[in-house]
Amino acid sequence: MTLQGIRSALGWCTLMNLCLLLVWFSAFTLAHGEMYSLHGRWFHLSVETFDAIHYTGMALFKIGIWLFNLTPWLVLHIAGRRV
């Protein structure tokens, strides 16, 4: 795979992951009650614990996007200009 192909793949992965994060956040904010009642059937969680789990998951997912997709894309983009 060429450098340009890797760069393109990382760019698309970043975009798709950010869209997935946006969908997760939108579903969490717009359908909070429905999500809590659905998960409340399976697990006995307080609302505060439910919110903390989702916010932590979203934060870890965002860190993963930055660490594994966006940062390598930027590095390859900068390195590709100098070569």
PDB file of N, CA and C in Angstrom:
ATOM      1  N   MET A   1       0.849  -1.175   0.000  1.00  0.00           N
ATOM      2  CA  MET A   1       0.000   0.000   0.000  1.00  0.00           C
ATOM      3  C   MET A   1       0.895   1.238   0.000  1.00  0.00           C
ATOM      4  N   THR A   2       0.501   2.207  -0.772  1.00  0.00           N
ATOM      5  CA  THR A   2       1.300   3.419  -0.882  1.00  0.00           C
ATOM      6  C   THR A   2       1.026   4.349   0.295  1.00  0.00           C
ATOM      7  N   LEU A   3       1.892   5.321   0.436  1.00  0.00           N
ATOM      8  CA  LEU A   3       1.736   6.321   1.494  1.00  0.00           C
ATOM      9  C   LEU A   3       0.434   7.094   1.309  1.00  0.00           C
ATOM     10  N   GLN A   4       0.107   7.400   0.081  1.00  0.00           N
ATOM     11  CA  GLN A   4      -1.132   8.123  -0.189  1.00  0.00           C
ATOM     12  C   GLN A   4      -2.350   7.257   0.140  1.00  0.00           C
ATOM     13  N   GLY A   5      -2.263   5.963  -0.104  1.00  0.00           N
ATOM     14  CA  GLY A   5      -3.365   5.059   0.231  1.00  0.00           C
ATOM     15  C   GLY A   5      -3.587   4.950   1.726  1.00  0.00           C
ATOM     16  N   ILE A   6      -2.505   4.879   2.476  1.00  0.00           N
ATOM     17  CA  ILE A   6      -2.607   4.824   3.935  1.00  0.00           C
ATOM     18  C   ILE A   6      -3.185   6.126   4.472  1.00  0.00           C
ATOM     19  N   ARG A   7      -2.696   7.229   3.935  1.00  0.00           N
ATOM     20  CA  ARG A   7      -3.209   8.537   4.341  1.00  0.00           C
ATOM     21  C   ARG A   7      -4.704   8.650   4.059  1.00  0.00           C
ATOM     22  N   SER A   8      -5.118   8.207   2.910  1.00  0.00           N
ATOM     23  CA  SER A   8      -6.529   8.259   2.540  1.00  0.00           C
ATOM     24  C   SER A   8      -7.369   7.372   3.457  1.00  0.00           C
ATOM     25  N   ALA A   9      -6.881   6.170   3.740  1.00  0.00           N
ATOM     26  CA  ALA A   9      -7.613   5.261   4.622  1.00  0.00           C
ATOM     27  C   ALA A   9      -7.746   5.846   6.023  1.00  0.00           C
ATOM     28  N   LEU A  10      -6.676   6.428   6.538  1.00  0.00           N
ATOM     29  CA  LEU A  10      -6.739   7.034   7.869  1.00  0.00           C
ATOM     30  C   LEU A  10      -7.693   8.226   7.898  1.00  0.00           C
ATOM     31  N   GLY A  11      -7.716   8.995   6.833  1.00  0.00           N
ATOM     32  CA  GLY A  11      -8.635  10.125   6.753  1.00  0.00           C
ATOM     33  C   GLY A  11     -10.088   9.672   6.759  1.00  0.00           C
ATOM     34  N   TRP A  12     -10.388   8.636   5.961  1.00  0.00           N
ATOM     35  CA  TRP A  12     -11.755   8.119   5.938  1.00  0.00           C
ATOM     36  C   TRP A  12     -12.138   7.468   7.262  1.00  0.00           C
ATOM     37  N   CYS A  13     -11.204   6.768   7.875  1.00  0.00           N
ATOM     38  CA  CYS A  13     -11.484   6.168   9.191  1.00  0.00           C
ATOM     39  C   CYS A  13     -11.767   7.247  10.231  1.00  0.00           C
ATOM     40  N   THR A  14     -11.015   8.326  10.187  1.00  0.00           N
ATOM     41  CA  THR A  14     -11.252   9.431  11.109  1.00  0.00           C
ATOM     42  C   THR A  14     -12.644  10.009  10.906  1.00  0.00           C
ATOM     43  N   LEU A  15     -13.004  10.251   9.675  1.00  0.00           N
ATOM     44  CA  LEU A  15     -14.308  10.823   9.374  1.00  0.00           C
ATOM     45  C   LEU A  15     -15.445   9.898   9.807  1.00  0.00           C
ATOM     46  N   MET A  16     -15.330   8.613   9.495  1.00  0.00           N
ATOM     47  CA  MET A  16     -16.382   7.661   9.877  1.00  0.00           C
ATOM     48  C   MET A  16     -16.491   7.520  11.393  1.00  0.00           C
ATOM     49  N   ASN A  17     -15.362   7.487  12.078  1.00  0.00           N
ATOM     50  CA  ASN A  17     -15.398   7.374  13.530  1.00  0.00           C
ATOM     51  C   ASN A  17     -15.970   8.615  14.189  1.00  0.00           C
ATOM     52  N   LEU A  18     -15.667   9.790  13.667  1.00  0.00           N
ATOM     53  CA  LEU A  18     -16.250  11.017  14.206  1.00  0.00           C
ATOM     54  C   LEU A  18     -17.756  11.058  13.966  1.00  0.00           C
ATOM     55  N   CYS A  19     -18.203  10.564  12.818  1.00  0.00           N
ATOM     56  CA  CYS A  19     -19.642  10.477  12.556  1.00  0.00           C
ATOM     57  C   CYS A  19     -20.310   9.494  13.520  1.00  0.00           C
ATOM     58  N   LEU A  20     -19.666   8.376  13.778  1.00  0.00           N
ATOM     59  CA  LEU A  20     -20.200   7.411  14.740  1.00  0.00           C
ATOM     60  C   LEU A  20     -20.277   8.009  16.138  1.00  0.00           C
ATOM     61  N   LEU A  21     -19.268   8.765  16.529  1.00  0.00           N
ATOM     62  CA  LEU A  21     -19.282   9.443  17.822  1.00  0.00           C
ATOM     63  C   LEU A  21     -20.410  10.466  17.882  1.00  0.00           C
ATOM     64  N   LEU A  22     -20.640  11.185  16.808  1.00  0.00           N
ATOM     65  CA  LEU A  22     -21.725  12.152  16.761  1.00  0.00           C
ATOM     66  C   LEU A  22     -23.085  11.470  16.861  1.00  0.00           C
ATOM     67  N   VAL A  23     -23.247  10.332  16.206  1.00  0.00           N
ATOM     68  CA  VAL A  23     -24.498   9.572  16.304  1.00  0.00           C
ATOM     69  C   VAL A  23     -24.704   9.088  17.732  1.00  0.00           C
ATOM     70  N   TRP A  24     -23.648   8.578  18.365  1.00  0.00           N
ATOM     71  CA  TRP A  24     -23.739   8.107  19.748  1.00  0.00           C
ATOM     72  C   TRP A  24     -24.146   9.259  20.671  1.00  0.00           C
ATOM     73  N   PHE A  25     -23.490  10.413  20.528  1.00  0.00           N
ATOM     74  CA  PHE A  25     -23.808  11.559  21.369  1.00  0.00           C
ATOM     75  C   PHE A  25     -25.236  12.042  21.125  1.00  0.00           C
ATOM     76  N   SER A  26     -25.646  12.079  19.862  1.00  0.00           N
ATOM     77  CA  SER A  26     -27.006  12.520  19.542  1.00  0.00           C
ATOM     78  C   SER A  26     -28.041  11.568  20.121  1.00  0.00           C
ATOM     79  N   ALA A  27     -27.811  10.275  19.966  1.00  0.00           N
ATOM     80  CA  ALA A  27     -28.744   9.295  20.525  1.00  0.00           C
ATOM     81  C   ALA A  27     -28.785   9.398  22.040  1.00  0.00           C
ATOM     82  N   PHE A  28     -27.640   9.622  22.647  1.00  0.00           N
ATOM     83  CA  PHE A  28     -27.577   9.722  24.100  1.00  0.00           C
ATOM     84  C   PHE A  28     -28.323  10.949  24.609  1.00  0.00           C
ATOM     85  N   THR A  29     -28.192  12.063  23.911  1.00  0.00           N
ATOM     86  CA  THR A  29     -28.849  13.284  24.385  1.00  0.00           C
ATOM     87  C   THR A  29     -30.324  13.331  24.006  1.00  0.00           C
ATOM     88  N   LEU A  30     -30.674  12.865  22.819  1.00  0.00           N
ATOM     89  CA  LEU A  30     -32.060  12.967  22.361  1.00  0.00           C
ATOM     90  C   LEU A  30     -32.946  11.832  22.861  1.00  0.00           C
ATOM     91  N   ALA A  31     -32.375  10.667  23.114  1.00  0.00           N
ATOM     92  CA  ALA A  31     -33.164   9.512  23.544  1.00  0.00           C
ATOM     93  C   ALA A  31     -32.641   8.954  24.863  1.00  0.00           C
ATOM     94  N   HIS A  32     -32.267   9.848  25.762  1.00  0.00           N
ATOM     95  CA  HIS A  32     -31.667   9.417  27.034  1.00  0.00           C
ATOM     96  C   HIS A  32     -32.613   8.517  27.827  1.00  0.00           C
ATOM     97  N   GLY A  33     -33.858   8.908  27.946  1.00  0.00           N
ATOM     98  CA  GLY A  33     -34.819   8.133  28.732  1.00  0.00           C
ATOM     99  C   GLY A  33     -35.062   6.747  28.160  1.00  0.00           C
ATOM    100  N   GLU A  34     -35.204   6.672  26.845  1.00  0.00           N
ATOM    101  CA  GLU A  34     -35.427   5.377  26.199  1.00  0.00           C
ATOM    102  C   GLU A  34     -34.205   4.472  26.340  1.00  0.00           C
ATOM    103  N   MET A  35     -33.026   5.051  26.171  1.00  0.00           N
ATOM    104  CA  MET A  35     -31.805   4.250  26.327  1.00  0.00           C
ATOM    105  C   MET A  35     -31.662   3.758  27.760  1.00  0.00           C
ATOM    106  N   TYR A  36     -31.963   4.625  28.719  1.00  0.00           N
ATOM    107  CA  TYR A  36     -31.839   4.226  30.125  1.00  0.00           C
ATOM    108  C   TYR A  36     -32.841   3.135  30.474  1.00  0.00           C
ATOM    109  N   SER A  37     -34.059   3.254  29.987  1.00  0.00           N
ATOM    110  CA  SER A  37     -35.049   2.220  30.312  1.00  0.00           C
ATOM    111  C   SER A  37     -34.701   0.888  29.653  1.00  0.00           C
ATOM    112  N   LEU A  38     -34.150   0.934  28.426  1.00  0.00           N
ATOM    113  CA  LEU A  38     -33.734  -0.290  27.755  1.00  0.00           C
ATOM    114  C   LEU A  38     -32.595  -0.972  28.511  1.00  0.00           C
ATOM    115  N   HIS A  39     -31.572  -0.197  28.867  1.00  0.00           N
ATOM    116  CA  HIS A  39     -30.446  -0.771  29.593  1.00  0.00           C
ATOM    117  C   HIS A  39     -30.818  -1.093  31.038  1.00  0.00           C
ATOM    118  N   GLY A  40     -31.799  -0.394  31.565  1.00  0.00           N
ATOM    119  CA  GLY A  40     -32.251  -0.669  32.927  1.00  0.00           C
ATOM    120  C   GLY A  40     -32.897  -2.035  33.072  1.00  0.00           C
ATOM    121  N   ARG A  41     -33.417  -2.566  31.981  1.00  0.00           N
ATOM    122  CA  ARG A  41     -33.970  -3.929  32.013  1.00  0.00           C
ATOM    123  C   ARG A  41     -32.875  -4.976  32.185  1.00  0.00           C
ATOM    124  N   TRP A  42     -31.699  -4.689  31.630  1.00  0.00           N
ATOM    125  CA  TRP A  42     -30.609  -5.649  31.660  1.00  0.00           C
ATOM    126  C   TRP A  42     -29.705  -5.471  32.872  1.00  0.00           C
ATOM    127  N   PHE A  43     -29.438  -4.235  33.224  1.00  0.00           N
ATOM    128  CA  PHE A  43     -28.513  -3.926  34.313  1.00  0.00           C
ATOM    129  C   PHE A  43     -29.200  -3.005  35.302  1.00  0.00           C
ATOM    130  N   HIS A  44     -28.904  -3.164  36.559  1.00  0.00           N
ATOM    131  CA  HIS A  44     -29.459  -2.289  37.585  1.00  0.00           C
ATOM    132  C   HIS A  44     -28.469  -1.146  37.831  1.00  0.00           C
ATOM    133  N   LEU A  45     -28.678  -0.047  37.103  1.00  0.00           N
ATOM    134  CA  LEU A  45     -27.796   1.111  37.174  1.00  0.00           C
ATOM    135  C   LEU A  45     -28.595   2.338  37.583  1.00  0.00           C
ATOM    136  N   SER A  46     -27.961   3.203  38.336  1.00  0.00           N
ATOM    137  CA  SER A  46     -28.582   4.498  38.600  1.00  0.00           C
ATOM    138  C   SER A  46     -28.377   5.378  37.371  1.00  0.00           C
ATOM    139  N   VAL A  47     -29.135   6.454  37.291  1.00  0.00           N
ATOM    140  CA  VAL A  47     -29.003   7.375  36.161  1.00  0.00           C
ATOM    141  C   VAL A  47     -27.603   7.970  36.132  1.00  0.00           C
ATOM    142  N   GLU A  48     -27.057   8.297  37.302  1.00  0.00           N
ATOM    143  CA  GLU A  48     -25.715   8.882  37.364  1.00  0.00           C
ATOM    144  C   GLU A  48     -24.658   7.903  36.847  1.00  0.00           C
ATOM    145  N   THR A  49     -24.781   6.631  37.214  1.00  0.00           N
ATOM    146  CA  THR A  49     -23.832   5.620  36.741  1.00  0.00           C
ATOM    147  C   THR A  49     -23.971   5.417  35.235  1.00  0.00           C
ATOM    148  N   PHE A  50     -25.209   5.379  34.767  1.00  0.00           N
ATOM    149  CA  PHE A  50     -25.466   5.237  33.334  1.00  0.00           C
ATOM    150  C   PHE A  50     -24.829   6.387  32.553  1.00  0.00           C
ATOM    151  N   ASP A  51     -25.028   7.617  33.035  1.00  0.00           N
ATOM    152  CA  ASP A  51     -24.430   8.773  32.371  1.00  0.00           C
ATOM    153  C   ASP A  51     -22.906   8.726  32.414  1.00  0.00           C
ATOM    154  N   ALA A  52     -22.353   8.343  33.560  1.00  0.00           N
ATOM    155  CA  ALA A  52     -20.895   8.283  33.699  1.00  0.00           C
ATOM    156  C   ALA A  52     -20.295   7.243  32.753  1.00  0.00           C
ATOM    157  N   ILE A  53     -20.955   6.116  32.610  1.00  0.00           N
ATOM    158  CA  ILE A  53     -20.456   5.071  31.712  1.00  0.00           C
ATOM    159  C   ILE A  53     -20.444   5.580  30.272  1.00  0.00           C
ATOM    160  N   HIS A  54     -21.523   6.234  29.861  1.00  0.00           N
ATOM    161  CA  HIS A  54     -21.582   6.718  28.478  1.00  0.00           C
ATOM    162  C   HIS A  54     -20.594   7.852  28.222  1.00  0.00           C
ATOM    163  N   TYR A  55     -20.490   8.791  29.137  1.00  0.00           N
ATOM    164  CA  TYR A  55     -19.532   9.883  28.947  1.00  0.00           C
ATOM    165  C   TYR A  55     -18.095   9.369  28.945  1.00  0.00           C
ATOM    166  N   THR A  56     -17.795   8.405  29.794  1.00  0.00           N
ATOM    167  CA  THR A  56     -16.457   7.805  29.799  1.00  0.00           C
ATOM    168  C   THR A  56     -16.195   7.072  28.496  1.00  0.00           C
ATOM    169  N   GLY A  57     -17.192   6.324  28.025  1.00  0.00           N
ATOM    170  CA  GLY A  57     -17.037   5.619  26.748  1.00  0.00           C
ATOM    171  C   GLY A  57     -16.816   6.571  25.588  1.00  0.00           C
ATOM    172  N   MET A  58     -17.580   7.657  25.564  1.00  0.00           N
ATOM    173  CA  MET A  58     -17.403   8.643  24.496  1.00  0.00           C
ATOM    174  C   MET A  58     -16.030   9.310  24.577  1.00  0.00           C
ATOM    175  N   ALA A  59     -15.579   9.591  25.791  1.00  0.00           N
ATOM    176  CA  ALA A  59     -14.257  10.213  25.950  1.00  0.00           C
ATOM    177  C   ALA A  59     -13.151   9.266  25.494  1.00  0.00           C
ATOM    178  N   LEU A  60     -13.223   8.000  25.880  1.00  0.00           N
ATOM    179  CA  LEU A  60     -12.216   7.025  25.457  1.00  0.00           C
ATOM    180  C   LEU A  60     -12.244   6.809  23.949  1.00  0.00           C
ATOM    181  N   PHE A  61     -13.438   6.795  23.377  1.00  0.00           N
ATOM    182  CA  PHE A  61     -13.563   6.642  21.926  1.00  0.00           C
ATOM    183  C   PHE A  61     -12.942   7.837  21.204  1.00  0.00           C
ATOM    184  N   LYS A  62     -13.180   9.050  21.717  1.00  0.00           N
ATOM    185  CA  LYS A  62     -12.602  10.244  21.110  1.00  0.00           C
ATOM    186  C   LYS A  62     -11.081  10.241  21.225  1.00  0.00           C
ATOM    187  N   ILE A  63     -10.565   9.833  22.374  1.00  0.00           N
ATOM    188  CA  ILE A  63      -9.113   9.728  22.538  1.00  0.00           C
ATOM    189  C   ILE A  63      -8.542   8.709  21.561  1.00  0.00           C
ATOM    190  N   GLY A  64      -9.258   7.604  21.381  1.00  0.00           N
ATOM    191  CA  GLY A  64      -8.818   6.589  20.420  1.00  0.00           C
ATOM    192  C   GLY A  64      -8.791   7.113  18.998  1.00  0.00           C
ATOM    193  N   ILE A  65      -9.788   7.910  18.638  1.00  0.00           N
ATOM    194  CA  ILE A  65      -9.815   8.509  17.300  1.00  0.00           C
ATOM    195  C   ILE A  65      -8.604   9.418  17.109  1.00  0.00           C
ATOM    196  N   TRP A  66      -8.336  10.258  18.097  1.00  0.00           N
ATOM    197  CA  TRP A  66      -7.183  11.156  18.012  1.00  0.00           C
ATOM    198  C   TRP A  66      -5.875  10.376  17.955  1.00  0.00           C
ATOM    199  N   LEU A  67      -5.768   9.355  18.789  1.00  0.00           N
ATOM    200  CA  LEU A  67      -4.507   8.630  18.916  1.00  0.00           C
ATOM    201  C   LEU A  67      -4.225   7.713  17.733  1.00  0.00           C
ATOM    202  N   PHE A  68      -5.242   7.000  17.254  1.00  0.00           N
ATOM    203  CA  PHE A  68      -5.012   5.969  16.238  1.00  0.00           C
ATOM    204  C   PHE A  68      -5.389   6.367  14.819  1.00  0.00           C
ATOM    205  N   ASN A  69      -6.140   7.447  14.653  1.00  0.00           N
ATOM    206  CA  ASN A  69      -6.546   7.843  13.303  1.00  0.00           C
ATOM    207  C   ASN A  69      -6.034   9.225  12.916  1.00  0.00           C
ATOM    208  N   LEU A  70      -6.377  10.222  13.710  1.00  0.00           N
ATOM    209  CA  LEU A  70      -6.075  11.594  13.318  1.00  0.00           C
ATOM    210  C   LEU A  70      -4.591  11.923  13.418  1.00  0.00           C
ATOM    211  N   THR A  71      -3.947  11.532  14.505  1.00  0.00           N
ATOM    212  CA  THR A  71      -2.520  11.831  14.665  1.00  0.00           C
ATOM    213  C   THR A  71      -1.667  11.159  13.586  1.00  0.00           C
ATOM    214  N   PRO A  72      -1.846   9.851  13.302  1.00  0.00           N
ATOM    215  CA  PRO A  72      -1.051   9.268  12.200  1.00  0.00           C
ATOM    216  C   PRO A  72      -1.354   9.911  10.847  1.00  0.00           C
ATOM    217  N   TRP A  73      -2.629  10.309  10.625  1.00  0.00           N
ATOM    218  CA  TRP A  73      -2.973  10.986   9.372  1.00  0.00           C
ATOM    219  C   TRP A  73      -2.219  12.303   9.251  1.00  0.00           C
ATOM    220  N   LEU A  74      -2.191  13.073  10.348  1.00  0.00           N
ATOM    221  CA  LEU A  74      -1.469  14.348  10.318  1.00  0.00           C
ATOM    222  C   LEU A  74       0.026  14.147  10.115  1.00  0.00           C
ATOM    223  N   VAL A  75       0.594  13.171  10.795  1.00  0.00           N
ATOM    224  CA  VAL A  75       2.031  12.899  10.660  1.00  0.00           C
ATOM    225  C   VAL A  75       2.358  12.504   9.225  1.00  0.00           C
ATOM    226  N   LEU A  76       1.574  11.606   8.640  1.00  0.00           N
ATOM    227  CA  LEU A  76       1.824  11.199   7.266  1.00  0.00           C
ATOM    228  C   LEU A  76       1.578  12.345   6.282  1.00  0.00           C
ATOM    229  N   HIS A  77       0.631  13.192   6.597  1.00  0.00           N
ATOM    230  CA  HIS A  77       0.371  14.341   5.739  1.00  0.00           C
ATOM    231  C   HIS A  77       1.551  15.313   5.770  1.00  0.00           C
ATOM    232  N   ILE A  78       2.081  15.581   6.948  1.00  0.00           N
ATOM    233  CA  ILE A  78       3.231  16.476   7.072  1.00  0.00           C
ATOM    234  C   ILE A  78       4.476  15.826   6.465  1.00  0.00           C
ATOM    235  N   ALA A  79       4.698  14.546   6.757  1.00  0.00           N
ATOM    236  CA  ALA A  79       5.871  13.848   6.232  1.00  0.00           C
ATOM    237  C   ALA A  79       5.819  13.717   4.715  1.00  0.00           C
ATOM    238  N   GLY A  80       4.626  13.582   4.166  1.00  0.00           N
ATOM    239  CA  GLY A  80       4.488  13.450   2.722  1.00  0.00           C
ATOM    240  C   GLY A  80       4.846  14.709   1.959  1.00  0.00           C
ATOM    241  N   ARG A  81       4.713  15.834   2.599  1.00  0.00           N
ATOM    242  CA  ARG A  81       5.065  17.103   1.955  1.00  0.00           C
ATOM    243  C   ARG A  81       6.560  17.294   1.875  1.00  0.00           C
ATOM    244  N   ARG A  82       7.285  16.727   2.810  1.00  0.00           N
ATOM    245  CA  ARG A  82       8.737  16.938   2.866  1.00  0.00           C
ATOM    246  C   ARG A  82       9.498  15.959   1.997  1.00  0.00           C
ATOM    247  N   VAL A  83       8.851  14.894   1.576  1.00  0.00           N
ATOM    248  CA  VAL A  83       9.542  13.882   0.781  1.00  0.00           C
ATOM    249  C   VAL A  83       9.513  14.238  -0.669  1.00  0.00           C
TER     250      VAL A  83
END
